[in-house]
Amino acid sequence: MTRLRVEVVRDRCAGYANCLEAAPDVFDLDEHDVAVVAEVDFPVEARAHLDNAARRCPAKAITVIEM
């Protein structure tokens, strides 16, 4: 069964929080205002939701990967 993983490149994240606005159930900001992923593993049905959050990142720090 295909699953999705979301990765954030920490040194590229600038803390814009667009991902948090797009998917507050998936992302949060840590104490350094860097995006962190609440979960590691997502169902393939969440693809559109996750891709939207990744597209909204002006720093292009978010990647959605099929596992």
PDB file of N, CA and C in Angstrom:
ATOM      1  N   MET A   1       0.838  -1.172   0.000  1.00  0.00           N
ATOM      2  CA  MET A   1       0.000   0.000   0.000  1.00  0.00           C
ATOM      3  C   MET A   1       0.891   1.245   0.000  1.00  0.00           C
ATOM      4  N   THR A   2       0.574   2.183  -0.874  1.00  0.00           N
ATOM      5  CA  THR A   2       1.350   3.411  -0.984  1.00  0.00           C
ATOM      6  C   THR A   2       1.031   4.354   0.168  1.00  0.00           C
ATOM      7  N   ARG A   3       2.062   4.885   0.756  1.00  0.00           N
ATOM      8  CA  ARG A   3       1.933   5.886   1.819  1.00  0.00           C
ATOM      9  C   ARG A   3       2.763   7.099   1.412  1.00  0.00           C
ATOM     10  N   LEU A   4       2.549   8.197   2.090  1.00  0.00           N
ATOM     11  CA  LEU A   4       3.282   9.428   1.817  1.00  0.00           C
ATOM     12  C   LEU A   4       4.064   9.856   3.043  1.00  0.00           C
ATOM     13  N   ARG A   5       5.218  10.461   2.784  1.00  0.00           N
ATOM     14  CA  ARG A   5       6.023  11.025   3.849  1.00  0.00           C
ATOM     15  C   ARG A   5       6.282  12.493   3.498  1.00  0.00           C
ATOM     16  N   VAL A   6       6.264  13.347   4.497  1.00  0.00           N
ATOM     17  CA  VAL A   6       6.526  14.768   4.295  1.00  0.00           C
ATOM     18  C   VAL A   6       7.845  15.101   4.978  1.00  0.00           C
ATOM     19  N   GLU A   7       8.719  15.770   4.229  1.00  0.00           N
ATOM     20  CA  GLU A   7      10.002  16.181   4.785  1.00  0.00           C
ATOM     21  C   GLU A   7      10.144  17.694   4.680  1.00  0.00           C
ATOM     22  N   VAL A   8      10.756  18.295   5.692  1.00  0.00           N
ATOM     23  CA  VAL A   8      11.051  19.725   5.706  1.00  0.00           C
ATOM     24  C   VAL A   8      12.572  19.881   5.769  1.00  0.00           C
ATOM     25  N   VAL A   9      13.127  20.629   4.826  1.00  0.00           N
ATOM     26  CA  VAL A   9      14.558  20.940   4.848  1.00  0.00           C
ATOM     27  C   VAL A   9      14.727  22.098   5.830  1.00  0.00           C
ATOM     28  N   ARG A  10      15.197  21.772   7.010  1.00  0.00           N
ATOM     29  CA  ARG A  10      15.239  22.738   8.110  1.00  0.00           C
ATOM     30  C   ARG A  10      16.069  23.981   7.796  1.00  0.00           C
ATOM     31  N   ASP A  11      17.193  23.837   7.137  1.00  0.00           N
ATOM     32  CA  ASP A  11      18.022  25.011   6.867  1.00  0.00           C
ATOM     33  C   ASP A  11      17.486  25.859   5.715  1.00  0.00           C
ATOM     34  N   ARG A  12      16.479  25.366   5.013  1.00  0.00           N
ATOM     35  CA  ARG A  12      15.839  26.149   3.960  1.00  0.00           C
ATOM     36  C   ARG A  12      14.578  26.850   4.467  1.00  0.00           C
ATOM     37  N   CYS A  13      13.939  26.314   5.495  1.00  0.00           N
ATOM     38  CA  CYS A  13      12.707  26.891   6.038  1.00  0.00           C
ATOM     39  C   CYS A  13      12.990  28.265   6.632  1.00  0.00           C
ATOM     40  N   ALA A  14      12.152  29.249   6.246  1.00  0.00           N
ATOM     41  CA  ALA A  14      12.334  30.623   6.724  1.00  0.00           C
ATOM     42  C   ALA A  14      11.236  31.042   7.696  1.00  0.00           C
ATOM     43  N   GLY A  15      10.382  30.106   8.082  1.00  0.00           N
ATOM     44  CA  GLY A  15       9.361  30.397   9.091  1.00  0.00           C
ATOM     45  C   GLY A  15       8.185  31.222   8.598  1.00  0.00           C
ATOM     46  N   TYR A  16       7.903  31.192   7.307  1.00  0.00           N
ATOM     47  CA  TYR A  16       6.758  31.940   6.777  1.00  0.00           C
ATOM     48  C   TYR A  16       5.426  31.431   7.325  1.00  0.00           C
ATOM     49  N   ALA A  17       5.363  30.155   7.657  1.00  0.00           N
ATOM     50  CA  ALA A  17       4.181  29.486   8.215  1.00  0.00           C
ATOM     51  C   ALA A  17       3.043  29.328   7.218  1.00  0.00           C
ATOM     52  N   ASN A  18       3.316  29.449   5.925  1.00  0.00           N
ATOM     53  CA  ASN A  18       2.280  29.189   4.922  1.00  0.00           C
ATOM     54  C   ASN A  18       1.806  27.745   4.982  1.00  0.00           C
ATOM     55  N   CYS A  19       2.709  26.834   5.284  1.00  0.00           N
ATOM     56  CA  CYS A  19       2.345  25.429   5.404  1.00  0.00           C
ATOM     57  C   CYS A  19       1.384  25.221   6.574  1.00  0.00           C
ATOM     58  N   LEU A  20       1.628  25.937   7.639  1.00  0.00           N
ATOM     59  CA  LEU A  20       0.772  25.844   8.821  1.00  0.00           C
ATOM     60  C   LEU A  20      -0.624  26.367   8.517  1.00  0.00           C
ATOM     61  N   GLU A  21      -0.723  27.426   7.740  1.00  0.00           N
ATOM     62  CA  GLU A  21      -2.022  27.946   7.334  1.00  0.00           C
ATOM     63  C   GLU A  21      -2.744  26.959   6.423  1.00  0.00           C
ATOM     64  N   ALA A  22      -2.010  26.321   5.511  1.00  0.00           N
ATOM     65  CA  ALA A  22      -2.601  25.392   4.552  1.00  0.00           C
ATOM     66  C   ALA A  22      -2.972  24.058   5.181  1.00  0.00           C
ATOM     67  N   ALA A  23      -2.178  23.614   6.142  1.00  0.00           N
ATOM     68  CA  ALA A  23      -2.394  22.283   6.732  1.00  0.00           C
ATOM     69  C   ALA A  23      -2.031  22.291   8.213  1.00  0.00           C
ATOM     70  N   PRO A  24      -2.840  22.957   9.049  1.00  0.00           N
ATOM     71  CA  PRO A  24      -2.519  23.035  10.482  1.00  0.00           C
ATOM     72  C   PRO A  24      -2.535  21.679  11.183  1.00  0.00           C
ATOM     73  N   ASP A  25      -3.168  20.699  10.571  1.00  0.00           N
ATOM     74  CA  ASP A  25      -3.191  19.350  11.121  1.00  0.00           C
ATOM     75  C   ASP A  25      -1.900  18.582  10.829  1.00  0.00           C
ATOM     76  N   VAL A  26      -1.071  19.124   9.945  1.00  0.00           N
ATOM     77  CA  VAL A  26       0.152  18.439   9.522  1.00  0.00           C
ATOM     78  C   VAL A  26       1.405  19.127  10.059  1.00  0.00           C
ATOM     79  N   PHE A  27       1.410  20.465  10.076  1.00  0.00           N
ATOM     80  CA  PHE A  27       2.612  21.229  10.415  1.00  0.00           C
ATOM     81  C   PHE A  27       2.462  22.029  11.701  1.00  0.00           C
ATOM     82  N   ASP A  28       3.617  22.322  12.281  1.00  0.00           N
ATOM     83  CA  ASP A  28       3.716  23.226  13.420  1.00  0.00           C
ATOM     84  C   ASP A  28       5.065  23.931  13.281  1.00  0.00           C
ATOM     85  N   LEU A  29       5.284  24.952  14.065  1.00  0.00           N
ATOM     86  CA  LEU A  29       6.585  25.617  14.098  1.00  0.00           C
ATOM     87  C   LEU A  29       7.264  25.302  15.420  1.00  0.00           C
ATOM     88  N   ASP A  30       8.572  25.050  15.364  1.00  0.00           N
ATOM     89  CA  ASP A  30       9.306  24.772  16.591  1.00  0.00           C
ATOM     90  C   ASP A  30       9.749  26.080  17.245  1.00  0.00           C
ATOM     91  N   GLU A  31      10.562  25.995  18.268  1.00  0.00           N
ATOM     92  CA  GLU A  31      10.990  27.175  19.022  1.00  0.00           C
ATOM     93  C   GLU A  31      11.864  28.129  18.208  1.00  0.00           C
ATOM     94  N   HIS A  32      12.332  27.670  17.041  1.00  0.00           N
ATOM     95  CA  HIS A  32      13.155  28.509  16.168  1.00  0.00           C
ATOM     96  C   HIS A  32      12.356  28.978  14.942  1.00  0.00           C
ATOM     97  N   ASP A  33      11.039  28.798  14.999  1.00  0.00           N
ATOM     98  CA  ASP A  33      10.136  29.143  13.889  1.00  0.00           C
ATOM     99  C   ASP A  33      10.462  28.375  12.613  1.00  0.00           C
ATOM    100  N   VAL A  34      10.864  27.144  12.784  1.00  0.00           N
ATOM    101  CA  VAL A  34      11.108  26.248  11.664  1.00  0.00           C
ATOM    102  C   VAL A  34       9.977  25.228  11.642  1.00  0.00           C
ATOM    103  N   ALA A  35       9.462  24.964  10.440  1.00  0.00           N
ATOM    104  CA  ALA A  35       8.356  24.020  10.304  1.00  0.00           C
ATOM    105  C   ALA A  35       8.781  22.609  10.703  1.00  0.00           C
ATOM    106  N   VAL A  36       7.888  21.944  11.411  1.00  0.00           N
ATOM    107  CA  VAL A  36       8.059  20.538  11.761  1.00  0.00           C
ATOM    108  C   VAL A  36       6.772  19.813  11.370  1.00  0.00           C
ATOM    109  N   VAL A  37       6.909  18.548  11.064  1.00  0.00           N
ATOM    110  CA  VAL A  37       5.772  17.731  10.651  1.00  0.00           C
ATOM    111  C   VAL A  37       5.249  16.981  11.866  1.00  0.00           C
ATOM    112  N   ALA A  38       3.935  17.081  12.088  1.00  0.00           N
ATOM    113  CA  ALA A  38       3.314  16.448  13.247  1.00  0.00           C
ATOM    114  C   ALA A  38       3.346  14.925  13.146  1.00  0.00           C
ATOM    115  N   GLU A  39       3.188  14.409  11.927  1.00  0.00           N
ATOM    116  CA  GLU A  39       3.234  12.969  11.686  1.00  0.00           C
ATOM    117  C   GLU A  39       4.259  12.700  10.602  1.00  0.00           C
ATOM    118  N   VAL A  40       4.665  11.469  10.483  1.00  0.00           N
ATOM    119  CA  VAL A  40       5.644  11.118   9.464  1.00  0.00           C
ATOM    120  C   VAL A  40       4.979  10.442   8.273  1.00  0.00           C
ATOM    121  N   ASP A  41       3.948   9.692   8.523  1.00  0.00           N
ATOM    122  CA  ASP A  41       3.344   8.790   7.564  1.00  0.00           C
ATOM    123  C   ASP A  41       1.901   9.220   7.280  1.00  0.00           C
ATOM    124  N   PHE A  42       1.548   9.401   5.986  1.00  0.00           N
ATOM    125  CA  PHE A  42       0.215   9.841   5.610  1.00  0.00           C
ATOM    126  C   PHE A  42      -0.370   8.921   4.542  1.00  0.00           C
ATOM    127  N   PRO A  43      -1.686   8.780   4.516  1.00  0.00           N
ATOM    128  CA  PRO A  43      -2.305   7.982   3.463  1.00  0.00           C
ATOM    129  C   PRO A  43      -2.234   8.706   2.122  1.00  0.00           C
ATOM    130  N   VAL A  44      -2.229   7.958   1.033  1.00  0.00           N
ATOM    131  CA  VAL A  44      -2.149   8.532  -0.302  1.00  0.00           C
ATOM    132  C   VAL A  44      -3.323   9.474  -0.578  1.00  0.00           C
ATOM    133  N   GLU A  45      -4.434   9.285   0.087  1.00  0.00           N
ATOM    134  CA  GLU A  45      -5.604  10.150  -0.087  1.00  0.00           C
ATOM    135  C   GLU A  45      -5.338  11.591   0.374  1.00  0.00           C
ATOM    136  N   ALA A  46      -4.310  11.792   1.158  1.00  0.00           N
ATOM    137  CA  ALA A  46      -3.961  13.131   1.654  1.00  0.00           C
ATOM    138  C   ALA A  46      -3.058  13.878   0.674  1.00  0.00           C
ATOM    139  N   ARG A  47      -2.765  13.312  -0.473  1.00  0.00           N
ATOM    140  CA  ARG A  47      -1.796  13.877  -1.427  1.00  0.00           C
ATOM    141  C   ARG A  47      -2.114  15.326  -1.797  1.00  0.00           C
ATOM    142  N   ALA A  48      -3.342  15.611  -2.198  1.00  0.00           N
ATOM    143  CA  ALA A  48      -3.698  16.972  -2.629  1.00  0.00           C
ATOM    144  C   ALA A  48      -3.493  17.978  -1.496  1.00  0.00           C
ATOM    145  N   HIS A  49      -3.878  17.598  -0.295  1.00  0.00           N
ATOM    146  CA  HIS A  49      -3.738  18.448   0.889  1.00  0.00           C
ATOM    147  C   HIS A  49      -2.258  18.745   1.170  1.00  0.00           C
ATOM    148  N   LEU A  50      -1.428  17.718   1.117  1.00  0.00           N
ATOM    149  CA  LEU A  50       0.001  17.867   1.384  1.00  0.00           C
ATOM    150  C   LEU A  50       0.710  18.633   0.271  1.00  0.00           C
ATOM    151  N   ASP A  51       0.351  18.343  -0.983  1.00  0.00           N
ATOM    152  CA  ASP A  51       0.947  19.061  -2.110  1.00  0.00           C
ATOM    153  C   ASP A  51       0.607  20.545  -2.053  1.00  0.00           C
ATOM    154  N   ASN A  52      -0.601  20.882  -1.658  1.00  0.00           N
ATOM    155  CA  ASN A  52      -1.002  22.278  -1.532  1.00  0.00           C
ATOM    156  C   ASN A  52      -0.113  23.001  -0.515  1.00  0.00           C
ATOM    157  N   ALA A  53       0.110  22.374   0.617  1.00  0.00           N
ATOM    158  CA  ALA A  53       0.973  22.974   1.641  1.00  0.00           C
ATOM    159  C   ALA A  53       2.394  23.146   1.112  1.00  0.00           C
ATOM    160  N   ALA A  54       2.905  22.153   0.391  1.00  0.00           N
ATOM    161  CA  ALA A  54       4.260  22.240  -0.165  1.00  0.00           C
ATOM    162  C   ALA A  54       4.361  23.368  -1.194  1.00  0.00           C
ATOM    163  N   ARG A  55       3.359  23.505  -2.045  1.00  0.00           N
ATOM    164  CA  ARG A  55       3.358  24.570  -3.050  1.00  0.00           C
ATOM    165  C   ARG A  55       3.327  25.961  -2.422  1.00  0.00           C
ATOM    166  N   ARG A  56       2.698  26.094  -1.274  1.00  0.00           N
ATOM    167  CA  ARG A  56       2.570  27.399  -0.620  1.00  0.00           C
ATOM    168  C   ARG A  56       3.845  27.833   0.100  1.00  0.00           C
ATOM    169  N   CYS A  57       4.835  26.970   0.179  1.00  0.00           N
ATOM    170  CA  CYS A  57       6.092  27.318   0.841  1.00  0.00           C
ATOM    171  C   CYS A  57       6.964  28.140  -0.102  1.00  0.00           C
ATOM    172  N   PRO A  58       7.165  29.443   0.188  1.00  0.00           N
ATOM    173  CA  PRO A  58       7.983  30.267  -0.692  1.00  0.00           C
ATOM    174  C   PRO A  58       9.460  29.851  -0.710  1.00  0.00           C
ATOM    175  N   ALA A  59       9.908  29.158   0.319  1.00  0.00           N
ATOM    176  CA  ALA A  59      11.303  28.714   0.399  1.00  0.00           C
ATOM    177  C   ALA A  59      11.507  27.345  -0.250  1.00  0.00           C
ATOM    178  N   LYS A  60      10.414  26.711  -0.700  1.00  0.00           N
ATOM    179  CA  LYS A  60      10.480  25.377  -1.305  1.00  0.00           C
ATOM    180  C   LYS A  60      11.184  24.378  -0.386  1.00  0.00           C
ATOM    181  N   ALA A  61      10.839  24.437   0.891  1.00  0.00           N
ATOM    182  CA  ALA A  61      11.484  23.595   1.903  1.00  0.00           C
ATOM    183  C   ALA A  61      10.733  22.295   2.170  1.00  0.00           C
ATOM    184  N   ILE A  62       9.570  22.091   1.532  1.00  0.00           N
ATOM    185  CA  ILE A  62       8.722  20.936   1.841  1.00  0.00           C
ATOM    186  C   ILE A  62       8.666  20.002   0.640  1.00  0.00           C
ATOM    187  N   THR A  63       8.854  18.709   0.914  1.00  0.00           N
ATOM    188  CA  THR A  63       8.781  17.686  -0.110  1.00  0.00           C
ATOM    189  C   THR A  63       7.805  16.610   0.344  1.00  0.00           C
ATOM    190  N   VAL A  64       6.951  16.161  -0.579  1.00  0.00           N
ATOM    191  CA  VAL A  64       6.037  15.047  -0.333  1.00  0.00           C
ATOM    192  C   VAL A  64       6.584  13.863  -1.124  1.00  0.00           C
ATOM    193  N   ILE A  65       6.820  12.763  -0.424  1.00  0.00           N
ATOM    194  CA  ILE A  65       7.470  11.590  -1.015  1.00  0.00           C
ATOM    195  C   ILE A  65       6.578  10.366  -0.895  1.00  0.00           C
ATOM    196  N   GLU A  66       6.422   9.635  -2.002  1.00  0.00           N
ATOM    197  CA  GLU A  66       5.719   8.355  -1.952  1.00  0.00           C
ATOM    198  C   GLU A  66       6.654   7.297  -1.403  1.00  0.00           C
ATOM    199  N   MET A  67       6.141   6.465  -0.524  1.00  0.00           N
ATOM    200  CA  MET A  67       6.949   5.380   0.046  1.00  0.00           C
ATOM    201  C   MET A  67       6.435   4.053  -0.462  1.00  0.00           C
TER     202      MET A  67
END
